[in-house]
Amino acid sequence: MTNNAEWIYDTGASRHFYAEKELMQDFEDVADDECVYMKNYTTTRLIGKGKILLKFTSGKLSFK
């Protein structure tokens, strides 16, 4: 999946969402009925969950 949209990392968020499954470590499928409720009152279905390794310009690594 190619996504040309810019993403903003919200450090205060309780969950972070990514459009590219290939970036995730330890990916696991979720139940078909699991979905996310968004601030604009819409929902979207989740396909899975996992961790993403972030590499900051400082060289520091972090899993989110």
PDB file of N, CA and C in Angstrom:
ATOM      1  N   MET A   1       0.842  -1.162   0.000  1.00  0.00           N
ATOM      2  CA  MET A   1       0.000   0.000   0.000  1.00  0.00           C
ATOM      3  C   MET A   1       0.896   1.236   0.000  1.00  0.00           C
ATOM      4  N   THR A   2       0.639   2.110  -0.924  1.00  0.00           N
ATOM      5  CA  THR A   2       1.364   3.370  -0.964  1.00  0.00           C
ATOM      6  C   THR A   2       0.427   4.464  -0.510  1.00  0.00           C
ATOM      7  N   ASN A   3       0.886   5.232   0.463  1.00  0.00           N
ATOM      8  CA  ASN A   3       0.056   6.298   1.016  1.00  0.00           C
ATOM      9  C   ASN A   3       0.897   7.567   1.038  1.00  0.00           C
ATOM     10  N   ASN A   4       0.512   8.541   0.235  1.00  0.00           N
ATOM     11  CA  ASN A   4       1.270   9.779   0.146  1.00  0.00           C
ATOM     12  C   ASN A   4       0.845  10.811   1.170  1.00  0.00           C
ATOM     13  N   ALA A   5      -0.102  10.484   2.020  1.00  0.00           N
ATOM     14  CA  ALA A   5      -0.562  11.420   3.043  1.00  0.00           C
ATOM     15  C   ALA A   5       0.509  11.584   4.107  1.00  0.00           C
ATOM     16  N   GLU A   6       0.589  12.772   4.664  1.00  0.00           N
ATOM     17  CA  GLU A   6       1.507  12.997   5.773  1.00  0.00           C
ATOM     18  C   GLU A   6       0.859  12.506   7.051  1.00  0.00           C
ATOM     19  N   TRP A   7       1.673  11.971   7.955  1.00  0.00           N
ATOM     20  CA  TRP A   7       1.186  11.479   9.235  1.00  0.00           C
ATOM     21  C   TRP A   7       1.789  12.316  10.336  1.00  0.00           C
ATOM     22  N   ILE A   8       1.025  12.543  11.375  1.00  0.00           N
ATOM     23  CA  ILE A   8       1.490  13.293  12.539  1.00  0.00           C
ATOM     24  C   ILE A   8       1.505  12.342  13.721  1.00  0.00           C
ATOM     25  N   TYR A   9       2.590  12.316  14.456  1.00  0.00           N
ATOM     26  CA  TYR A   9       2.736  11.439  15.614  1.00  0.00           C
ATOM     27  C   TYR A   9       2.264  12.182  16.853  1.00  0.00           C
ATOM     28  N   ASP A  10       1.216  11.697  17.483  1.00  0.00           N
ATOM     29  CA  ASP A  10       0.628  12.321  18.660  1.00  0.00           C
ATOM     30  C   ASP A  10       1.115  11.577  19.902  1.00  0.00           C
ATOM     31  N   THR A  11       2.047  12.155  20.635  1.00  0.00           N
ATOM     32  CA  THR A  11       2.613  11.474  21.798  1.00  0.00           C
ATOM     33  C   THR A  11       1.629  11.385  22.959  1.00  0.00           C
ATOM     34  N   GLY A  12       0.533  12.145  22.896  1.00  0.00           N
ATOM     35  CA  GLY A  12      -0.464  12.098  23.958  1.00  0.00           C
ATOM     36  C   GLY A  12      -1.587  11.115  23.669  1.00  0.00           C
ATOM     37  N   ALA A  13      -1.565  10.490  22.511  1.00  0.00           N
ATOM     38  CA  ALA A  13      -2.634   9.558  22.136  1.00  0.00           C
ATOM     39  C   ALA A  13      -2.489   8.235  22.896  1.00  0.00           C
ATOM     40  N   SER A  14      -3.614   7.599  23.156  1.00  0.00           N
ATOM     41  CA  SER A  14      -3.562   6.300  23.828  1.00  0.00           C
ATOM     42  C   SER A  14      -3.327   5.171  22.825  1.00  0.00           C
ATOM     43  N   ARG A  15      -3.634   5.403  21.566  1.00  0.00           N
ATOM     44  CA  ARG A  15      -3.414   4.430  20.493  1.00  0.00           C
ATOM     45  C   ARG A  15      -2.897   5.177  19.271  1.00  0.00           C
ATOM     46  N   HIS A  16      -2.066   4.514  18.499  1.00  0.00           N
ATOM     47  CA  HIS A  16      -1.537   5.088  17.275  1.00  0.00           C
ATOM     48  C   HIS A  16      -1.919   4.156  16.130  1.00  0.00           C
ATOM     49  N   PHE A  17      -2.285   4.714  14.983  1.00  0.00           N
ATOM     50  CA  PHE A  17      -2.761   3.926  13.851  1.00  0.00           C
ATOM     51  C   PHE A  17      -1.877   4.149  12.641  1.00  0.00           C
ATOM     52  N   TYR A  18      -1.618   3.079  11.915  1.00  0.00           N
ATOM     53  CA  TYR A  18      -0.740   3.129  10.758  1.00  0.00           C
ATOM     54  C   TYR A  18      -1.413   2.450   9.590  1.00  0.00           C
ATOM     55  N   ALA A  19      -1.156   2.940   8.405  1.00  0.00           N
ATOM     56  CA  ALA A  19      -1.789   2.414   7.201  1.00  0.00           C
ATOM     57  C   ALA A  19      -1.002   1.283   6.558  1.00  0.00           C
ATOM     58  N   GLU A  20       0.230   1.063   6.966  1.00  0.00           N
ATOM     59  CA  GLU A  20       1.062   0.063   6.311  1.00  0.00           C
ATOM     60  C   GLU A  20       1.401  -1.091   7.253  1.00  0.00           C
ATOM     61  N   LYS A  21       0.751  -2.205   7.016  1.00  0.00           N
ATOM     62  CA  LYS A  21       0.928  -3.417   7.826  1.00  0.00           C
ATOM     63  C   LYS A  21       2.388  -3.883   7.819  1.00  0.00           C
ATOM     64  N   GLU A  22       3.087  -3.655   6.707  1.00  0.00           N
ATOM     65  CA  GLU A  22       4.463  -4.126   6.552  1.00  0.00           C
ATOM     66  C   GLU A  22       5.416  -3.484   7.563  1.00  0.00           C
ATOM     67  N   LEU A  23       5.060  -2.330   8.137  1.00  0.00           N
ATOM     68  CA  LEU A  23       5.913  -1.657   9.106  1.00  0.00           C
ATOM     69  C   LEU A  23       5.841  -2.282  10.497  1.00  0.00           C
ATOM     70  N   MET A  24       4.845  -3.124  10.732  1.00  0.00           N
ATOM     71  CA  MET A  24       4.591  -3.634  12.080  1.00  0.00           C
ATOM     72  C   MET A  24       5.413  -4.868  12.422  1.00  0.00           C
ATOM     73  N   GLN A  25       5.913  -4.871  13.649  1.00  0.00           N
ATOM     74  CA  GLN A  25       6.578  -6.030  14.229  1.00  0.00           C
ATOM     75  C   GLN A  25       5.515  -6.776  15.041  1.00  0.00           C
ATOM     76  N   ASP A  26       5.629  -8.074  15.169  1.00  0.00           N
ATOM     77  CA  ASP A  26       4.694  -8.873  15.991  1.00  0.00           C
ATOM     78  C   ASP A  26       3.244  -8.645  15.591  1.00  0.00           C
ATOM     79  N   PHE A  27       2.962  -8.562  14.291  1.00  0.00           N
ATOM     80  CA  PHE A  27       1.595  -8.329  13.816  1.00  0.00           C
ATOM     81  C   PHE A  27       0.715  -9.525  14.131  1.00  0.00           C
ATOM     82  N   GLU A  28      -0.492  -9.261  14.611  1.00  0.00           N
ATOM     83  CA  GLU A  28      -1.473 -10.327  14.832  1.00  0.00           C
ATOM     84  C   GLU A  28      -2.847  -9.842  14.392  1.00  0.00           C
ATOM     85  N   ASP A  29      -3.603 -10.743  13.792  1.00  0.00           N
ATOM     86  CA  ASP A  29      -4.961 -10.419  13.351  1.00  0.00           C
ATOM     87  C   ASP A  29      -5.855 -10.160  14.558  1.00  0.00           C
ATOM     88  N   VAL A  30      -6.903  -9.381  14.347  1.00  0.00           N
ATOM     89  CA  VAL A  30      -7.898  -9.136  15.396  1.00  0.00           C
ATOM     90  C   VAL A  30      -9.246  -9.674  14.926  1.00  0.00           C
ATOM     91  N   ALA A  31     -10.206  -9.777  15.833  1.00  0.00           N
ATOM     92  CA  ALA A  31     -11.538 -10.266  15.503  1.00  0.00           C
ATOM     93  C   ALA A  31     -12.173  -9.375  14.436  1.00  0.00           C
ATOM     94  N   ASP A  32     -12.983  -9.988  13.566  1.00  0.00           N
ATOM     95  CA  ASP A  32     -13.615  -9.245  12.465  1.00  0.00           C
ATOM     96  C   ASP A  32     -14.466  -8.075  12.921  1.00  0.00           C
ATOM     97  N   ASP A  33     -14.989  -8.146  14.136  1.00  0.00           N
ATOM     98  CA  ASP A  33     -15.894  -7.082  14.594  1.00  0.00           C
ATOM     99  C   ASP A  33     -15.179  -5.984  15.383  1.00  0.00           C
ATOM    100  N   GLU A  34     -13.841  -6.028  15.476  1.00  0.00           N
ATOM    101  CA  GLU A  34     -13.120  -5.010  16.229  1.00  0.00           C
ATOM    102  C   GLU A  34     -12.978  -3.753  15.374  1.00  0.00           C
ATOM    103  N   CYS A  35     -13.364  -2.613  15.949  1.00  0.00           N
ATOM    104  CA  CYS A  35     -13.289  -1.370  15.189  1.00  0.00           C
ATOM    105  C   CYS A  35     -12.847  -0.222  16.086  1.00  0.00           C
ATOM    106  N   VAL A  36     -12.551   0.907  15.458  1.00  0.00           N
ATOM    107  CA  VAL A  36     -12.083   2.099  16.148  1.00  0.00           C
ATOM    108  C   VAL A  36     -13.123   3.196  15.951  1.00  0.00           C
ATOM    109  N   TYR A  37     -13.472   3.878  17.031  1.00  0.00           N
ATOM    110  CA  TYR A  37     -14.374   5.019  16.963  1.00  0.00           C
ATOM    111  C   TYR A  37     -13.529   6.284  16.941  1.00  0.00           C
ATOM    112  N   MET A  38     -13.765   7.121  15.932  1.00  0.00           N
ATOM    113  CA  MET A  38     -12.945   8.316  15.759  1.00  0.00           C
ATOM    114  C   MET A  38     -13.672   9.573  16.212  1.00  0.00           C
ATOM    115  N   LYS A  39     -12.905  10.626  16.373  1.00  0.00           N
ATOM    116  CA  LYS A  39     -13.443  11.879  16.896  1.00  0.00           C
ATOM    117  C   LYS A  39     -14.563  12.457  16.025  1.00  0.00           C
ATOM    118  N   ASN A  40     -14.527  12.198  14.731  1.00  0.00           N
ATOM    119  CA  ASN A  40     -15.569  12.717  13.847  1.00  0.00           C
ATOM    120  C   ASN A  40     -16.795  11.791  13.793  1.00  0.00           C
ATOM    121  N   TYR A  41     -16.902  10.893  14.770  1.00  0.00           N
ATOM    122  CA  TYR A  41     -18.053   9.996  14.964  1.00  0.00           C
ATOM    123  C   TYR A  41     -18.183   8.916  13.888  1.00  0.00           C
ATOM    124  N   THR A  42     -17.109   8.646  13.173  1.00  0.00           N
ATOM    125  CA  THR A  42     -17.116   7.543  12.224  1.00  0.00           C
ATOM    126  C   THR A  42     -16.363   6.372  12.841  1.00  0.00           C
ATOM    127  N   THR A  43     -16.487   5.221  12.223  1.00  0.00           N
ATOM    128  CA  THR A  43     -15.760   4.037  12.682  1.00  0.00           C
ATOM    129  C   THR A  43     -15.013   3.429  11.497  1.00  0.00           C
ATOM    130  N   THR A  44     -14.015   2.653  11.811  1.00  0.00           N
ATOM    131  CA  THR A  44     -13.318   1.876  10.795  1.00  0.00           C
ATOM    132  C   THR A  44     -12.929   0.536  11.412  1.00  0.00           C
ATOM    133  N   ARG A  45     -12.946  -0.488  10.583  1.00  0.00           N
ATOM    134  CA  ARG A  45     -12.625  -1.836  11.045  1.00  0.00           C
ATOM    135  C   ARG A  45     -11.121  -2.002  11.119  1.00  0.00           C
ATOM    136  N   LEU A  46     -10.645  -2.663  12.158  1.00  0.00           N
ATOM    137  CA  LEU A  46      -9.230  -2.988  12.300  1.00  0.00           C
ATOM    138  C   LEU A  46      -8.956  -4.337  11.666  1.00  0.00           C
ATOM    139  N   ILE A  47      -7.748  -4.494  11.103  1.00  0.00           N
ATOM    140  CA  ILE A  47      -7.369  -5.803  10.569  1.00  0.00           C
ATOM    141  C   ILE A  47      -6.349  -6.489  11.459  1.00  0.00           C
ATOM    142  N   GLY A  48      -5.680  -5.724  12.329  1.00  0.00           N
ATOM    143  CA  GLY A  48      -4.690  -6.333  13.204  1.00  0.00           C
ATOM    144  C   GLY A  48      -4.009  -5.316  14.081  1.00  0.00           C
ATOM    145  N   LYS A  49      -3.080  -5.818  14.889  1.00  0.00           N
ATOM    146  CA  LYS A  49      -2.333  -4.925  15.764  1.00  0.00           C
ATOM    147  C   LYS A  49      -0.910  -5.438  15.886  1.00  0.00           C
ATOM    148  N   GLY A  50      -0.009  -4.536  16.247  1.00  0.00           N
ATOM    149  CA  GLY A  50       1.391  -4.889  16.384  1.00  0.00           C
ATOM    150  C   GLY A  50       2.176  -3.700  16.901  1.00  0.00           C
ATOM    151  N   LYS A  51       3.481  -3.781  16.807  1.00  0.00           N
ATOM    152  CA  LYS A  51       4.355  -2.703  17.262  1.00  0.00           C
ATOM    153  C   LYS A  51       5.149  -2.182  16.073  1.00  0.00           C
ATOM    154  N   ILE A  52       5.459  -0.885  16.115  1.00  0.00           N
ATOM    155  CA  ILE A  52       6.278  -0.264  15.080  1.00  0.00           C
ATOM    156  C   ILE A  52       7.520   0.312  15.731  1.00  0.00           C
ATOM    157  N   LEU A  53       8.674   0.024  15.154  1.00  0.00           N
ATOM    158  CA  LEU A  53       9.931   0.552  15.643  1.00  0.00           C
ATOM    159  C   LEU A  53      10.161   1.923  15.007  1.00  0.00           C
ATOM    160  N   LEU A  54      10.231   2.952  15.841  1.00  0.00           N
ATOM    161  CA  LEU A  54      10.491   4.310  15.372  1.00  0.00           C
ATOM    162  C   LEU A  54      11.960   4.630  15.571  1.00  0.00           C
ATOM    163  N   LYS A  55      12.585   5.186  14.565  1.00  0.00           N
ATOM    164  CA  LYS A  55      13.971   5.623  14.683  1.00  0.00           C
ATOM    165  C   LYS A  55      13.979   7.142  14.541  1.00  0.00           C
ATOM    166  N   PHE A  56      14.345   7.823  15.618  1.00  0.00           N
ATOM    167  CA  PHE A  56      14.350   9.277  15.638  1.00  0.00           C
ATOM    168  C   PHE A  56      15.644   9.809  15.043  1.00  0.00           C
ATOM    169  N   THR A  57      15.635  11.072  14.626  1.00  0.00           N
ATOM    170  CA  THR A  57      16.839  11.682  14.049  1.00  0.00           C
ATOM    171  C   THR A  57      17.997  11.700  15.040  1.00  0.00           C
ATOM    172  N   SER A  58      17.697  11.626  16.324  1.00  0.00           N
ATOM    173  CA  SER A  58      18.742  11.567  17.342  1.00  0.00           C
ATOM    174  C   SER A  58      19.422  10.200  17.388  1.00  0.00           C
ATOM    175  N   GLY A  59      18.816   9.230  16.677  1.00  0.00           N
ATOM    176  CA  GLY A  59      19.345   7.870  16.711  1.00  0.00           C
ATOM    177  C   GLY A  59      18.652   6.977  17.719  1.00  0.00           C
ATOM    178  N   LYS A  60      17.842   7.580  18.600  1.00  0.00           N
ATOM    179  CA  LYS A  60      17.125   6.819  19.619  1.00  0.00           C
ATOM    180  C   LYS A  60      16.047   5.961  18.956  1.00  0.00           C
ATOM    181  N   LEU A  61      15.847   4.738  19.463  1.00  0.00           N
ATOM    182  CA  LEU A  61      14.826   3.828  18.960  1.00  0.00           C
ATOM    183  C   LEU A  61      13.706   3.716  19.979  1.00  0.00           C
ATOM    184  N   SER A  62      12.490   3.539  19.490  1.00  0.00           N
ATOM    185  CA  SER A  62      11.348   3.403  20.382  1.00  0.00           C
ATOM    186  C   SER A  62      10.301   2.525  19.736  1.00  0.00           C
ATOM    187  N   PHE A  63       9.702   1.615  20.494  1.00  0.00           N
ATOM    188  CA  PHE A  63       8.575   0.823  20.002  1.00  0.00           C
ATOM    189  C   PHE A  63       7.286   1.510  20.406  1.00  0.00           C
ATOM    190  N   LYS A  64       6.366   1.616  19.477  1.00  0.00           N
ATOM    191  CA  LYS A  64       5.029   2.172  19.741  1.00  0.00           C
ATOM    192  C   LYS A  64       3.998   1.205  19.249  1.00  0.00           C
TER     193      LYS A  64
END
